């Protein structure tokens, strides 16, 4: 009889612990500051912040650091980066967006401005230039 009670107690404890572990903890990661590489470039989104709100839209400023690691000049600009939020893509918007032709081993910093929905807090930043078949992506969170 005692063994049966112990056995039932173990089953109840096991079910209880399993139920407690099934709760998922939502992790919020932010890839700002993480360098990603392609054949030609090392790219790092340094910071991201909301610079203005206008109704249902907001302007997000992303500061980039980009280094040319190839042996040839390479053109890069804010237009090579796009934002994916939910199932929609958002391209460079108004503002003083960076563009540069980088000599080999040279780096630059610059800003890109993107108009996205005001409700967007977390999105994917993609490096996806039109003329190069290489991509990189970061998860970004802004307030």
Protein backbone atom coordinates (compact mmCIF):
# COMPACT_ATOMS: atom_id res chain seq x y z
CA UNK A 1 0.00 0.00 0.00
CA UNK A 2 2.81 2.40 0.88
CA UNK A 3 4.55 1.70 -2.43
CA UNK A 4 1.35 2.54 -4.30
CA UNK A 5 1.01 5.88 -2.45
CA UNK A 6 4.67 6.75 -3.20
CA UNK A 7 4.21 5.78 -6.82
CA UNK A 8 1.06 7.91 -7.20
CA UNK A 9 2.82 10.82 -5.44
CA UNK A 10 5.73 10.60 -7.89
CA UNK A 11 3.36 10.65 -10.85
CA UNK A 12 1.49 13.68 -9.49
CA UNK A 13 4.78 15.52 -8.82
CA UNK A 14 6.05 14.63 -12.30
CA UNK A 15 2.88 15.92 -13.98
CA UNK A 16 2.99 19.11 -11.91
CA UNK A 17 6.62 19.83 -12.80
CA UNK A 18 6.02 19.12 -16.47
CA UNK A 19 3.10 21.55 -16.48
CA UNK A 20 5.24 24.27 -14.95
CA UNK A 21 7.97 23.80 -17.54
CA UNK A 22 5.64 24.12 -20.51
CA UNK A 23 5.38 27.89 -20.06
CA UNK A 24 7.50 29.59 -22.68
CA UNK A 25 9.68 32.54 -21.87
CA UNK A 26 9.72 35.02 -24.72
CA UNK A 27 13.27 36.09 -25.46
CA UNK A 28 13.95 39.47 -26.96
CA UNK A 29 17.27 39.56 -28.70
CA UNK A 30 18.80 42.54 -30.33
CA UNK A 31 21.59 42.03 -32.85
CA UNK A 32 22.78 45.65 -32.78
CA UNK A 33 26.56 45.75 -32.57
CA UNK A 34 26.98 42.33 -34.21
CA UNK A 35 29.14 42.30 -37.33
CA UNK A 36 28.05 40.20 -40.31
CA UNK A 37 30.20 39.51 -43.36
CA UNK A 38 29.78 38.98 -47.06
CA UNK A 39 32.57 38.39 -49.58
CA UNK A 40 33.24 42.13 -49.83
CA UNK A 41 31.99 43.75 -46.62
CA UNK A 42 31.92 43.63 -42.85
CA UNK A 43 28.73 45.38 -41.71
CA UNK A 44 27.59 46.35 -38.23
CA UNK A 45 24.35 48.14 -37.34
CA UNK A 46 25.54 50.18 -34.35
CA UNK A 47 22.32 51.75 -33.13
CA UNK A 48 18.63 52.11 -33.97
CA UNK A 49 16.23 54.74 -32.71
CA UNK A 50 12.92 56.30 -33.56
CA UNK A 51 13.44 59.89 -34.67
CA UNK A 52 9.83 60.89 -35.43
CA UNK A 53 6.21 59.73 -35.35
CA UNK A 54 3.57 60.75 -37.86
CA UNK A 55 0.20 59.09 -37.35
CA UNK A 56 0.47 55.39 -38.07
CA UNK A 57 4.10 55.64 -39.23
CA UNK A 58 7.44 56.41 -37.67
CA UNK A 59 10.92 57.11 -38.96
CA UNK A 60 13.68 54.84 -37.64
CA UNK A 61 17.33 55.90 -37.89
CA UNK A 62 19.88 53.09 -38.05
CA UNK A 63 23.57 53.89 -37.78
CA UNK A 64 25.86 51.56 -39.72
CA UNK A 65 29.58 50.84 -39.74
CA UNK A 66 30.73 49.23 -42.98
CA UNK A 67 34.22 48.07 -43.95
CA UNK A 68 35.41 46.92 -47.38
CA UNK A 69 37.43 43.72 -46.95
CA UNK A 70 37.91 43.07 -50.66
CA UNK A 71 40.81 44.14 -52.90
CA UNK A 72 38.58 46.32 -55.12
CA UNK A 73 36.54 49.47 -54.57
CA UNK A 74 33.02 48.68 -53.45
CA UNK A 75 29.87 50.81 -53.32
CA UNK A 76 27.52 50.55 -50.39
CA UNK A 77 24.66 52.67 -49.10
CA UNK A 78 21.55 52.77 -46.96
CA UNK A 79 19.53 51.65 -49.99
CA UNK A 80 21.25 48.24 -49.76
CA UNK A 81 19.52 47.65 -46.41
CA UNK A 82 15.81 46.99 -46.03
CA UNK A 83 13.51 46.33 -43.10
CA UNK A 84 11.15 43.37 -42.95
CA UNK A 85 8.28 43.72 -40.50
CA UNK A 86 5.72 40.94 -40.42
CA UNK A 87 5.27 40.15 -44.14
CA UNK A 88 6.08 43.65 -45.45
CA UNK A 89 9.33 45.20 -46.66
CA UNK A 90 10.31 48.82 -46.07
CA UNK A 91 13.01 50.59 -48.03
CA UNK A 92 15.16 53.64 -47.37
CA UNK A 93 13.08 56.75 -46.77
CA UNK A 94 13.67 60.48 -46.63
CA UNK A 95 16.64 61.84 -44.75
CA UNK A 96 20.37 62.13 -45.24
CA UNK A 97 21.09 58.50 -46.02
CA UNK A 98 24.67 57.34 -46.34
CA UNK A 99 26.26 56.14 -49.56
CA UNK A 100 29.96 55.57 -50.13
CA UNK A 101 32.50 54.05 -52.47
CA UNK A 102 34.95 52.30 -50.19
CA UNK A 103 38.56 51.69 -51.15
CA UNK A 104 40.04 48.33 -50.12
CA UNK A 105 40.37 48.00 -46.31
CA UNK A 106 38.57 51.31 -45.71
CA UNK A 107 35.53 51.78 -43.48
CA UNK A 108 32.77 54.32 -43.07
CA UNK A 109 29.92 55.12 -40.70
CA UNK A 110 26.58 56.48 -41.78
CA UNK A 111 22.86 56.61 -41.14
CA UNK A 112 19.91 55.10 -42.91
CA UNK A 113 16.36 56.34 -42.39
CA UNK A 114 13.38 54.01 -42.84
CA UNK A 115 9.64 54.69 -42.59
CA UNK A 116 7.90 51.79 -40.84
CA UNK A 117 4.56 51.25 -39.04
CA UNK A 118 4.35 53.01 -35.66
CA UNK A 119 3.46 49.73 -33.95
CA UNK A 120 6.70 48.07 -35.14
CA UNK A 121 9.00 47.48 -32.16
CA UNK A 122 10.95 44.46 -33.41
CA UNK A 123 11.91 43.83 -37.03
CA UNK A 124 14.49 42.17 -39.25
CA UNK A 125 17.13 44.33 -40.89
CA UNK A 126 18.34 42.83 -44.16
CA UNK A 127 21.40 43.59 -46.27
CA UNK A 128 20.11 42.79 -49.74
CA UNK A 129 21.65 44.90 -52.50
CA UNK A 130 20.23 44.65 -56.01
CA UNK A 131 23.46 43.87 -57.84
CA UNK A 132 25.06 41.39 -55.41
CA UNK A 133 23.61 38.00 -54.56
CA UNK A 134 24.62 38.07 -50.90
CA UNK A 135 22.55 38.75 -47.82
CA UNK A 136 22.89 39.29 -44.10
CA UNK A 137 20.24 39.84 -41.44
CA UNK A 138 19.89 41.17 -37.92
CA UNK A 139 17.02 41.22 -35.41
CA UNK A 140 16.51 44.78 -34.18
CA UNK A 141 14.35 46.21 -31.41
CA UNK A 142 13.47 49.91 -31.14
CA UNK A 143 11.27 51.79 -28.69
